[in-house]
Amino acid sequence: MNTKKSFKALSLTVSLLLSPFAVADETRIISAGSTVTELLFALGADEQVVAIDLTSRHYLDDRDIPVLGYHRQLAAEGLLALSPTHLLGSPDMGPDTTLQLLKQAGVNVETLPTGNSVDAFNERVDTIAELTNTKVQAETIKANVQAQMTKLETQQPDNAPSVLFMMLSDGRPMTVAGAQTTVNTVIELAGGVNPAAKESTSYKQLSAEAIVKMQPEYILVSDRTLSQIGGLDGMLKQQPLLAATPAFQNNKVIPIKGHSILGGFGLASLELATSLNTRINDDIDHAAK
């Protein structure tokens, strides 16, 4: 099959599919990223969202908004059938052929920053607020976030405990989060120190022996993963050497929501940092009694 001819034929099809249904002066957004959807809903722009991707489904609650698939594997026909005016997402959304088809059909495809800094977060807020006409709400959100972060700074423990985030996969080495990751930002805001930050700037596979050598006082793991492998018992069955870590010995293995560390630092990330900070300080107070 001639790929170029197939692409042109599909491009013509989706353009025709979009044009009869386009609605003038109406913003219709497809959100392809957890932190993007999080902000759209927080800004009160729900009614402008016509679809979301799978990484965003936990934000739906009772909203009647369709879920169209994984943000890396978007299909042009399904998206264009909803007559979107905008597709907002992270740099990971794709494939590129789908994005090109959407652009040819007149859809504004916008990639938002996924950084872990407050500046990157504020840029996402401002961009979405400009599009959705929610600038007043945006200023409130940014002020609240800054206030929460300032509060966290005043609640840092004197001695930062070591906190490690790991991903488990049956039959494979464990993967830990390094320095330039969202969960590392969470750990630092909570008052912890990430021992894997010296090993990598992103995610890196490490042996159980290497992790035990780090002696993490807390271990963070996805609640979904923990459930799939049978809880802490299942975790130790897969990786028995973890029993030699202070985290396991002191019951400080903490399940977290995976969406809180996806797509850059966001509101869910700050919520996780706050809850982890509370847990760390409560443990310190309890030990002092």
C-alpha atoms as a PDB file:
ATOM      1  CA  MET A   1       0.000   0.000   0.000  1.00  0.00           C
ATOM      2  CA  ASN A   2       1.217   3.503  -0.877  1.00  0.00           C
ATOM      3  CA  THR A   3       1.619   5.231   2.486  1.00  0.00           C
ATOM      4  CA  LYS A   4       1.547   8.772   1.072  1.00  0.00           C
ATOM      5  CA  LYS A   5      -1.642   8.125  -0.900  1.00  0.00           C
ATOM      6  CA  SER A   6      -3.267   6.515   2.156  1.00  0.00           C
ATOM      7  CA  PHE A   7      -2.341   9.504   4.316  1.00  0.00           C
ATOM      8  CA  LYS A   8      -3.761  11.961   1.755  1.00  0.00           C
ATOM      9  CA  ALA A   9      -6.970   9.956   1.444  1.00  0.00           C
ATOM     10  CA  LEU A  10      -7.397   9.820   5.211  1.00  0.00           C
ATOM     11  CA  SER A  11      -6.618  13.534   5.450  1.00  0.00           C
ATOM     12  CA  LEU A  12      -9.383  14.322   2.956  1.00  0.00           C
ATOM     13  CA  THR A  13     -11.795  12.043   4.806  1.00  0.00           C
ATOM     14  CA  VAL A  14     -11.251  13.591   8.203  1.00  0.00           C
ATOM     15  CA  SER A  15     -11.397  17.117   6.783  1.00  0.00           C
ATOM     16  CA  LEU A  16     -14.790  16.360   5.288  1.00  0.00           C
ATOM     17  CA  LEU A  17     -15.821  14.718   8.539  1.00  0.00           C
ATOM     18  CA  LEU A  18     -15.030  17.833  10.538  1.00  0.00           C
ATOM     19  CA  SER A  19     -16.357  20.596   8.281  1.00  0.00           C
ATOM     20  CA  PRO A  20     -20.128  19.919   8.365  1.00  0.00           C
ATOM     21  CA  PHE A  21     -20.202  19.853  12.143  1.00  0.00           C
ATOM     22  CA  ALA A  22     -17.883  22.690  13.093  1.00  0.00           C
ATOM     23  CA  VAL A  23     -19.579  25.160  15.393  1.00  0.00           C
ATOM     24  CA  ALA A  24     -18.558  28.804  15.115  1.00  0.00           C
ATOM     25  CA  ASP A  25     -17.345  30.696  18.174  1.00  0.00           C
ATOM     26  CA  GLU A  26     -17.428  27.609  20.395  1.00  0.00           C
ATOM     27  CA  THR A  27     -14.338  26.212  22.098  1.00  0.00           C
ATOM     28  CA  ARG A  28     -14.351  22.423  22.021  1.00  0.00           C
ATOM     29  CA  ILE A  29     -11.303  20.919  23.708  1.00  0.00           C
ATOM     30  CA  ILE A  30      -9.906  17.399  23.652  1.00  0.00           C
ATOM     31  CA  SER A  31      -7.523  16.963  26.585  1.00  0.00           C
ATOM     32  CA  ALA A  32      -4.702  14.478  26.057  1.00  0.00           C
ATOM     33  CA  GLY A  33      -2.857  14.580  29.353  1.00  0.00           C
ATOM     34  CA  SER A  34      -3.573  14.110  33.039  1.00  0.00           C
ATOM     35  CA  THR A  35      -2.199  17.472  34.196  1.00  0.00           C
ATOM     36  CA  VAL A  36      -4.006  19.265  31.361  1.00  0.00           C
ATOM     37  CA  THR A  37      -7.369  17.740  32.283  1.00  0.00           C
ATOM     38  CA  GLU A  38      -6.705  18.431  35.947  1.00  0.00           C
ATOM     39  CA  LEU A  39      -6.347  22.148  35.238  1.00  0.00           C
ATOM     40  CA  LEU A  40      -9.250  22.367  32.796  1.00  0.00           C
ATOM     41  CA  PHE A  41     -11.561  21.002  35.458  1.00  0.00           C
ATOM     42  CA  ALA A  42      -9.991  23.030  38.279  1.00  0.00           C
ATOM     43  CA  LEU A  43     -10.494  26.193  36.226  1.00  0.00           C
ATOM     44  CA  GLY A  44     -14.165  25.359  35.761  1.00  0.00           C
ATOM     45  CA  ALA A  45     -13.850  24.813  32.008  1.00  0.00           C
ATOM     46  CA  ASP A  46     -15.609  21.426  32.066  1.00  0.00           C
ATOM     47  CA  GLU A  47     -18.256  22.405  29.555  1.00  0.00           C
ATOM     48  CA  GLN A  48     -15.590  23.195  26.968  1.00  0.00           C
ATOM     49  CA  VAL A  49     -14.089  19.694  27.190  1.00  0.00           C
ATOM     50  CA  VAL A  50     -15.543  17.213  24.686  1.00  0.00           C
ATOM     51  CA  ALA A  51     -13.182  14.287  25.365  1.00  0.00           C
ATOM     52  CA  ILE A  52     -10.218  13.194  27.477  1.00  0.00           C
ATOM     53  CA  ASP A  53      -7.553  10.497  27.258  1.00  0.00           C
ATOM     54  CA  LEU A  54      -7.130   7.412  29.438  1.00  0.00           C
ATOM     55  CA  THR A  55      -4.565   9.026  31.746  1.00  0.00           C
ATOM     56  CA  SER A  56      -7.227  11.579  32.748  1.00  0.00           C
ATOM     57  CA  ARG A  57     -10.175   9.297  33.511  1.00  0.00           C
ATOM     58  CA  HIS A  58      -9.738   9.505  37.300  1.00  0.00           C
ATOM     59  CA  TYR A  59     -10.792  13.178  37.123  1.00  0.00           C
ATOM     60  CA  LEU A  60     -14.172  12.484  35.529  1.00  0.00           C
ATOM     61  CA  ASP A  61     -16.221  11.849  38.680  1.00  0.00           C
ATOM     62  CA  ASP A  62     -19.786  12.034  37.339  1.00  0.00           C
ATOM     63  CA  ARG A  63     -18.969  14.092  34.250  1.00  0.00           C
ATOM     64  CA  ASP A  64     -20.418  12.680  31.047  1.00  0.00           C
ATOM     65  CA  ILE A  65     -17.298  13.135  28.920  1.00  0.00           C
ATOM     66  CA  PRO A  66     -16.025  10.377  26.596  1.00  0.00           C
ATOM     67  CA  VAL A  67     -12.603   8.777  27.046  1.00  0.00           C
ATOM     68  CA  LEU A  68     -10.933   8.317  23.671  1.00  0.00           C
ATOM     69  CA  GLY A  69      -7.834   6.251  24.373  1.00  0.00           C
ATOM     70  CA  TYR A  70      -4.221   6.615  25.408  1.00  0.00           C
ATOM     71  CA  HIS A  71      -2.604   9.987  24.680  1.00  0.00           C
ATOM     72  CA  ARG A  72       0.304   8.375  22.792  1.00  0.00           C
ATOM     73  CA  GLN A  73      -2.050   6.418  20.511  1.00  0.00           C
ATOM     74  CA  LEU A  74      -4.717   8.895  19.422  1.00  0.00           C
ATOM     75  CA  ALA A  75      -6.832   8.125  16.359  1.00  0.00           C
ATOM     76  CA  ALA A  76      -7.794  11.069  14.144  1.00  0.00           C
ATOM     77  CA  GLU A  77     -11.220   9.777  13.072  1.00  0.00           C
ATOM     78  CA  GLY A  78     -12.479   9.332  16.625  1.00  0.00           C
ATOM     79  CA  LEU A  79     -11.262  12.759  17.667  1.00  0.00           C
ATOM     80  CA  LEU A  80     -12.585  14.626  14.640  1.00  0.00           C
ATOM     81  CA  ALA A  81     -16.006  13.045  15.003  1.00  0.00           C
ATOM     82  CA  LEU A  82     -16.396  15.284  18.072  1.00  0.00           C
ATOM     83  CA  SER A  83     -15.723  18.469  16.057  1.00  0.00           C
ATOM     84  CA  PRO A  84     -12.933  19.746  18.314  1.00  0.00           C
ATOM     85  CA  THR A  85     -11.447  23.191  17.959  1.00  0.00           C
ATOM     86  CA  HIS A  86      -8.414  22.367  20.123  1.00  0.00           C
ATOM     87  CA  LEU A  87      -6.306  19.400  21.166  1.00  0.00           C
ATOM     88  CA  LEU A  88      -4.272  20.123  24.298  1.00  0.00           C
ATOM     89  CA  GLY A  89      -1.686  17.737  25.625  1.00  0.00           C
ATOM     90  CA  SER A  90       1.871  16.960  26.605  1.00  0.00           C
ATOM     91  CA  PRO A  91       4.860  16.491  24.276  1.00  0.00           C
ATOM     92  CA  ASP A  92       4.201  12.743  24.548  1.00  0.00           C
ATOM     93  CA  MET A  93       0.851  12.841  22.751  1.00  0.00           C
ATOM     94  CA  GLY A  94       0.663  11.361  19.263  1.00  0.00           C
ATOM     95  CA  PRO A  95       1.300   9.704  16.937  1.00  0.00           C
ATOM     96  CA  ASP A  96       2.568  12.508  14.750  1.00  0.00           C
ATOM     97  CA  THR A  97       0.421  11.355  11.806  1.00  0.00           C
ATOM     98  CA  THR A  98      -2.702  11.944  13.898  1.00  0.00           C
ATOM     99  CA  LEU A  99      -1.520  15.376  14.980  1.00  0.00           C
ATOM    100  CA  GLN A 100      -0.799  16.351  11.383  1.00  0.00           C
ATOM    101  CA  LEU A 101      -4.257  15.213  10.251  1.00  0.00           C
ATOM    102  CA  LEU A 102      -5.884  17.250  13.001  1.00  0.00           C
ATOM    103  CA  LYS A 103      -3.916  20.338  12.021  1.00  0.00           C
ATOM    104  CA  GLN A 104      -4.889  19.892   8.370  1.00  0.00           C
ATOM    105  CA  ALA A 105      -8.512  19.670   9.440  1.00  0.00           C
ATOM    106  CA  GLY A 106      -8.246  23.023  11.206  1.00  0.00           C
ATOM    107  CA  VAL A 107      -7.826  21.827  14.794  1.00  0.00           C
ATOM    108  CA  ASN A 108      -5.468  23.854  16.971  1.00  0.00           C
ATOM    109  CA  VAL A 109      -2.970  21.338  18.360  1.00  0.00           C
ATOM    110  CA  GLU A 110      -1.139  22.768  21.354  1.00  0.00           C
ATOM    111  CA  THR A 111       1.619  21.129  23.364  1.00  0.00           C
ATOM    112  CA  LEU A 112       1.906  22.326  26.951  1.00  0.00           C
ATOM    113  CA  PRO A 113       5.049  22.189  29.123  1.00  0.00           C
ATOM    114  CA  THR A 114       5.420  19.226  31.464  1.00  0.00           C
ATOM    115  CA  GLY A 115       8.160  20.594  33.696  1.00  0.00           C
ATOM    116  CA  ASN A 116       8.340  20.077  37.448  1.00  0.00           C
ATOM    117  CA  SER A 117       8.855  23.719  38.426  1.00  0.00           C
ATOM    118  CA  VAL A 118       6.317  26.278  39.596  1.00  0.00           C
ATOM    119  CA  ASP A 119       7.104  28.304  36.477  1.00  0.00           C
ATOM    120  CA  ALA A 120       6.131  25.384  34.210  1.00  0.00           C
ATOM    121  CA  PHE A 121       2.956  24.854  36.232  1.00  0.00           C
ATOM    122  CA  ASN A 122       2.025  28.531  36.010  1.00  0.00           C
ATOM    123  CA  GLU A 123       2.667  28.517  32.273  1.00  0.00           C
ATOM    124  CA  ARG A 124       0.213  25.630  31.860  1.00  0.00           C
ATOM    125  CA  VAL A 125      -2.349  27.461  33.978  1.00  0.00           C
ATOM    126  CA  ASP A 126      -1.990  30.719  32.036  1.00  0.00           C
ATOM    127  CA  THR A 127      -2.155  29.031  28.629  1.00  0.00           C
ATOM    128  CA  ILE A 128      -5.303  27.103  29.474  1.00  0.00           C
ATOM    129  CA  ALA A 129      -6.902  30.096  31.200  1.00  0.00           C
ATOM    130  CA  GLU A 130      -6.300  32.274  28.134  1.00  0.00           C
ATOM    131  CA  LEU A 131      -7.999  29.711  25.917  1.00  0.00           C
ATOM    132  CA  THR A 132     -10.950  29.058  28.215  1.00  0.00           C
ATOM    133  CA  ASN A 133     -11.471  32.636  29.439  1.00  0.00           C
ATOM    134  CA  THR A 134     -10.868  31.675  33.068  1.00  0.00           C
ATOM    135  CA  LYS A 135      -8.103  34.106  34.018  1.00  0.00           C
ATOM    136  CA  VAL A 136      -9.693  35.058  37.344  1.00  0.00           C
ATOM    137  CA  GLN A 137      -9.821  31.410  38.409  1.00  0.00           C
ATOM    138  CA  ALA A 138      -6.245  30.972  37.214  1.00  0.00           C
ATOM    139  CA  GLU A 139      -4.956  33.702  39.515  1.00  0.00           C
ATOM    140  CA  THR A 140      -6.732  32.060  42.446  1.00  0.00           C
ATOM    141  CA  ILE A 141      -5.213  28.659  41.643  1.00  0.00           C
ATOM    142  CA  LYS A 142      -1.695  30.072  41.311  1.00  0.00           C
ATOM    143  CA  ALA A 143      -2.010  31.995  44.574  1.00  0.00           C
ATOM    144  CA  ASN A 144      -3.275  28.912  46.408  1.00  0.00           C
ATOM    145  CA  VAL A 145      -0.454  26.775  45.038  1.00  0.00           C
ATOM    146  CA  GLN A 146       2.153  29.321  46.093  1.00  0.00           C
ATOM    147  CA  ALA A 147       0.615  29.509  49.570  1.00  0.00           C
ATOM    148  CA  GLN A 148       0.675  25.710  49.924  1.00  0.00           C
ATOM    149  CA  MET A 149       4.297  25.531  48.823  1.00  0.00           C
ATOM    150  CA  THR A 150       5.280  28.287  51.234  1.00  0.00           C
ATOM    151  CA  LYS A 151       3.559  26.380  54.015  1.00  0.00           C
ATOM    152  CA  LEU A 152       5.443  23.216  53.095  1.00  0.00           C
ATOM    153  CA  GLU A 153       8.724  25.125  53.318  1.00  0.00           C
ATOM    154  CA  THR A 154       7.932  26.001  56.938  1.00  0.00           C
ATOM    155  CA  GLN A 155       7.126  22.369  57.777  1.00  0.00           C
ATOM    156  CA  GLN A 156      10.367  20.741  56.616  1.00  0.00           C
ATOM    157  CA  PRO A 157      11.758  18.226  59.106  1.00  0.00           C
ATOM    158  CA  ASP A 158      15.152  18.956  60.659  1.00  0.00           C
ATOM    159  CA  ASN A 159      16.558  15.679  59.369  1.00  0.00           C
ATOM    160  CA  ALA A 160      15.275  14.778  55.918  1.00  0.00           C
ATOM    161  CA  PRO A 161      14.408  11.068  55.660  1.00  0.00           C
ATOM    162  CA  SER A 162      15.339   9.112  52.542  1.00  0.00           C
ATOM    163  CA  VAL A 163      12.324   8.501  50.315  1.00  0.00           C
ATOM    164  CA  LEU A 164      12.426   6.266  47.239  1.00  0.00           C
ATOM    165  CA  PHE A 165       9.825   5.781  44.516  1.00  0.00           C
ATOM    166  CA  MET A 166       9.960   2.465  42.710  1.00  0.00           C
ATOM    167  CA  MET A 167       8.113   0.679  39.962  1.00  0.00           C
ATOM    168  CA  LEU A 168       7.823  -3.094  39.982  1.00  0.00           C
ATOM    169  CA  SER A 169       7.356  -5.485  37.101  1.00  0.00           C
ATOM    170  CA  ASP A 170       7.293  -9.256  37.534  1.00  0.00           C
ATOM    171  CA  GLY A 171      10.529 -10.830  36.365  1.00  0.00           C
ATOM    172  CA  ARG A 172      12.345  -7.540  35.754  1.00  0.00           C
ATOM    173  CA  PRO A 173      14.665  -5.367  37.841  1.00  0.00           C
ATOM    174  CA  MET A 174      12.971  -2.645  39.847  1.00  0.00           C
ATOM    175  CA  THR A 175      12.901   0.883  38.398  1.00  0.00           C
ATOM    176  CA  VAL A 176      13.488   3.914  40.603  1.00  0.00           C
ATOM    177  CA  ALA A 177      12.864   7.622  39.983  1.00  0.00           C
ATOM    178  CA  GLY A 178      15.866   9.904  39.741  1.00  0.00           C
ATOM    179  CA  ALA A 179      16.508  13.623  40.043  1.00  0.00           C
ATOM    180  CA  GLN A 180      14.575  15.311  37.235  1.00  0.00           C
ATOM    181  CA  THR A 181      11.248  13.580  37.812  1.00  0.00           C
ATOM    182  CA  THR A 182       7.941  14.788  39.168  1.00  0.00           C
ATOM    183  CA  VAL A 183       8.073  12.399  42.105  1.00  0.00           C
ATOM    184  CA  ASN A 184      11.532  13.726  43.053  1.00  0.00           C
ATOM    185  CA  THR A 185      10.005  17.208  43.269  1.00  0.00           C
ATOM    186  CA  VAL A 186       7.244  15.751  45.447  1.00  0.00           C
ATOM    187  CA  ILE A 187       9.775  14.090  47.740  1.00  0.00           C
ATOM    188  CA  GLU A 188      11.790  17.290  48.162  1.00  0.00           C
ATOM    189  CA  LEU A 189       8.708  19.430  48.815  1.00  0.00           C
ATOM    190  CA  ALA A 190       7.587  16.925  51.444  1.00  0.00           C
ATOM    191  CA  GLY A 191      10.901  17.294  53.269  1.00  0.00           C
ATOM    192  CA  GLY A 192      12.558  14.098  52.118  1.00  0.00           C
ATOM    193  CA  VAL A 193      15.671  13.304  50.125  1.00  0.00           C
ATOM    194  CA  ASN A 194      15.701  10.917  47.185  1.00  0.00           C
ATOM    195  CA  PRO A 195      18.701   8.550  47.359  1.00  0.00           C
ATOM    196  CA  ALA A 196      18.220   7.639  43.681  1.00  0.00           C
ATOM    197  CA  ALA A 197      18.743  11.257  42.618  1.00  0.00           C
ATOM    198  CA  LYS A 198      22.487  10.554  42.583  1.00  0.00           C
ATOM    199  CA  GLU A 199      21.982   7.577  40.272  1.00  0.00           C
ATOM    200  CA  SER A 200      19.945   9.114  37.467  1.00  0.00           C
ATOM    201  CA  THR A 201      18.095  12.188  36.254  1.00  0.00           C
ATOM    202  CA  SER A 202      15.081  10.143  35.116  1.00  0.00           C
ATOM    203  CA  TYR A 203      14.058   6.520  35.706  1.00  0.00           C
ATOM    204  CA  LYS A 204      16.629   3.770  36.045  1.00  0.00           C
ATOM    205  CA  GLN A 205      16.552   0.033  36.680  1.00  0.00           C
ATOM    206  CA  LEU A 206      18.380  -1.020  39.819  1.00  0.00           C
ATOM    207  CA  SER A 207      18.973  -4.354  41.482  1.00  0.00           C
ATOM    208  CA  ALA A 208      17.407  -5.184  44.813  1.00  0.00           C
ATOM    209  CA  GLU A 209      20.897  -5.196  46.315  1.00  0.00           C
ATOM    210  CA  ALA A 210      21.504  -1.626  45.160  1.00  0.00           C
ATOM    211  CA  ILE A 211      18.192  -0.471  46.599  1.00  0.00           C
ATOM    212  CA  VAL A 212      18.841  -2.169  49.932  1.00  0.00           C
ATOM    213  CA  LYS A 213      22.215  -0.441  50.048  1.00  0.00           C
ATOM    214  CA  MET A 214      20.380   2.912  49.831  1.00  0.00           C
ATOM    215  CA  GLN A 215      18.442   2.009  52.992  1.00  0.00           C
ATOM    216  CA  PRO A 216      15.320   4.058  52.131  1.00  0.00           C
ATOM    217  CA  GLU A 217      13.286   5.020  55.174  1.00  0.00           C
ATOM    218  CA  TYR A 218      10.157   5.373  53.022  1.00  0.00           C
ATOM    219  CA  ILE A 219       9.230   3.612  49.788  1.00  0.00           C
ATOM    220  CA  LEU A 220       6.548   5.010  47.504  1.00  0.00           C
ATOM    221  CA  VAL A 221       4.822   2.681  45.051  1.00  0.00           C
ATOM    222  CA  SER A 222       1.780   2.973  42.804  1.00  0.00           C
ATOM    223  CA  ASP A 223      -1.367   1.799  44.593  1.00  0.00           C
ATOM    224  CA  ARG A 224      -2.506   0.114  41.376  1.00  0.00           C
ATOM    225  CA  THR A 225       0.727  -1.840  41.090  1.00  0.00           C
ATOM    226  CA  LEU A 226       0.624  -2.801  44.747  1.00  0.00           C
ATOM    227  CA  SER A 227      -2.905  -4.115  44.338  1.00  0.00           C
ATOM    228  CA  GLN A 228      -1.979  -6.098  41.220  1.00  0.00           C
ATOM    229  CA  ILE A 229       0.932  -7.901  42.872  1.00  0.00           C
ATOM    230  CA  GLY A 230      -0.924  -8.778  46.063  1.00  0.00           C
ATOM    231  CA  GLY A 231       0.004  -5.977  48.435  1.00  0.00           C
ATOM    232  CA  LEU A 232       3.121  -5.853  50.586  1.00  0.00           C
ATOM    233  CA  ASP A 233       3.279  -9.642  50.841  1.00  0.00           C
ATOM    234  CA  GLY A 234       3.289  -9.885  47.066  1.00  0.00           C
ATOM    235  CA  MET A 235       5.945  -7.192  46.875  1.00  0.00           C
ATOM    236  CA  LEU A 236       8.208  -9.135  49.219  1.00  0.00           C
ATOM    237  CA  LYS A 237       7.491 -12.345  47.353  1.00  0.00           C
ATOM    238  CA  GLN A 238       8.801 -10.698  44.185  1.00  0.00           C
ATOM    239  CA  GLN A 239      11.672  -8.899  45.906  1.00  0.00           C
ATOM    240  CA  PRO A 240      12.451 -10.569  49.265  1.00  0.00           C
ATOM    241  CA  LEU A 241      15.589  -8.486  49.828  1.00  0.00           C
ATOM    242  CA  LEU A 242      13.403  -5.409  50.364  1.00  0.00           C
ATOM    243  CA  ALA A 243      12.680  -6.785  53.831  1.00  0.00           C
ATOM    244  CA  ALA A 244      16.121  -5.456  54.765  1.00  0.00           C
ATOM    245  CA  THR A 245      15.115  -1.830  54.163  1.00  0.00           C
ATOM    246  CA  PRO A 246      13.989   0.463  57.009  1.00  0.00           C
ATOM    247  CA  ALA A 247      10.855   1.218  54.979  1.00  0.00           C
ATOM    248  CA  PHE A 248       9.651  -2.370  55.236  1.00  0.00           C
ATOM    249  CA  GLN A 249      10.940  -2.912  58.730  1.00  0.00           C
ATOM    250  CA  ASN A 250       9.043   0.138  60.026  1.00  0.00           C
ATOM    251  CA  ASN A 251       5.875  -0.206  57.926  1.00  0.00           C
ATOM    252  CA  LYS A 252       6.658   2.855  55.816  1.00  0.00           C
ATOM    253  CA  VAL A 253       5.799   1.591  52.348  1.00  0.00           C
ATOM    254  CA  ILE A 254       3.266   4.106  51.049  1.00  0.00           C
ATOM    255  CA  PRO A 255       0.915   3.484  48.111  1.00  0.00           C
ATOM    256  CA  ILE A 256       0.319   6.576  45.974  1.00  0.00           C
ATOM    257  CA  LYS A 257      -1.963   7.511  43.078  1.00  0.00           C
ATOM    258  CA  GLY A 258      -0.062   7.137  39.822  1.00  0.00           C
ATOM    259  CA  HIS A 259      -1.727  10.149  38.208  1.00  0.00           C
ATOM    260  CA  SER A 260      -0.186  12.433  40.838  1.00  0.00           C
ATOM    261  CA  ILE A 261       3.253  12.045  39.243  1.00  0.00           C
ATOM    262  CA  LEU A 262       2.281  11.940  35.545  1.00  0.00           C
ATOM    263  CA  GLY A 263       2.746  14.722  33.004  1.00  0.00           C
ATOM    264  CA  GLY A 264       4.687  17.171  35.121  1.00  0.00           C
ATOM    265  CA  PHE A 265       4.078  18.778  38.495  1.00  0.00           C
ATOM    266  CA  GLY A 266       0.413  19.573  39.063  1.00  0.00           C
ATOM    267  CA  LEU A 267      -2.257  19.970  41.689  1.00  0.00           C
ATOM    268  CA  ALA A 268      -2.335  16.240  42.466  1.00  0.00           C
ATOM    269  CA  SER A 269       1.457  16.316  42.884  1.00  0.00           C
ATOM    270  CA  LEU A 270       1.161  19.111  45.437  1.00  0.00           C
ATOM    271  CA  GLU A 271      -1.551  17.191  47.261  1.00  0.00           C
ATOM    272  CA  LEU A 272       0.738  14.158  47.418  1.00  0.00           C
ATOM    273  CA  ALA A 273       3.641  16.268  48.688  1.00  0.00           C
ATOM    274  CA  THR A 274       1.419  17.708  51.410  1.00  0.00           C
ATOM    275  CA  SER A 275       0.160  14.294  52.567  1.00  0.00           C
ATOM    276  CA  LEU A 276       3.690  12.867  52.536  1.00  0.00           C
ATOM    277  CA  ASN A 277       4.957  15.834  54.550  1.00  0.00           C
ATOM    278  CA  THR A 278       2.199  15.248  57.096  1.00  0.00           C
ATOM    279  CA  ARG A 279       3.098  11.555  57.314  1.00  0.00           C
ATOM    280  CA  ILE A 280       6.801  12.293  57.812  1.00  0.00           C
ATOM    281  CA  ASN A 281       6.160  14.874  60.531  1.00  0.00           C
ATOM    282  CA  ASP A 282       3.618  12.637  62.278  1.00  0.00           C
ATOM    283  CA  ASP A 283       6.156   9.797  62.331  1.00  0.00           C
ATOM    284  CA  ILE A 284       8.784  12.129  63.772  1.00  0.00           C
ATOM    285  CA  ASP A 285       6.393  13.338  66.487  1.00  0.00           C
ATOM    286  CA  HIS A 286       5.393   9.771  67.317  1.00  0.00           C
ATOM    287  CA  ALA A 287       9.026   8.673  67.613  1.00  0.00           C
ATOM    288  CA  ALA A 288       9.796  11.572  69.928  1.00  0.00           C
ATOM    289  CA  LYS A 289       7.112  10.540  72.436  1.00  0.00           C
END
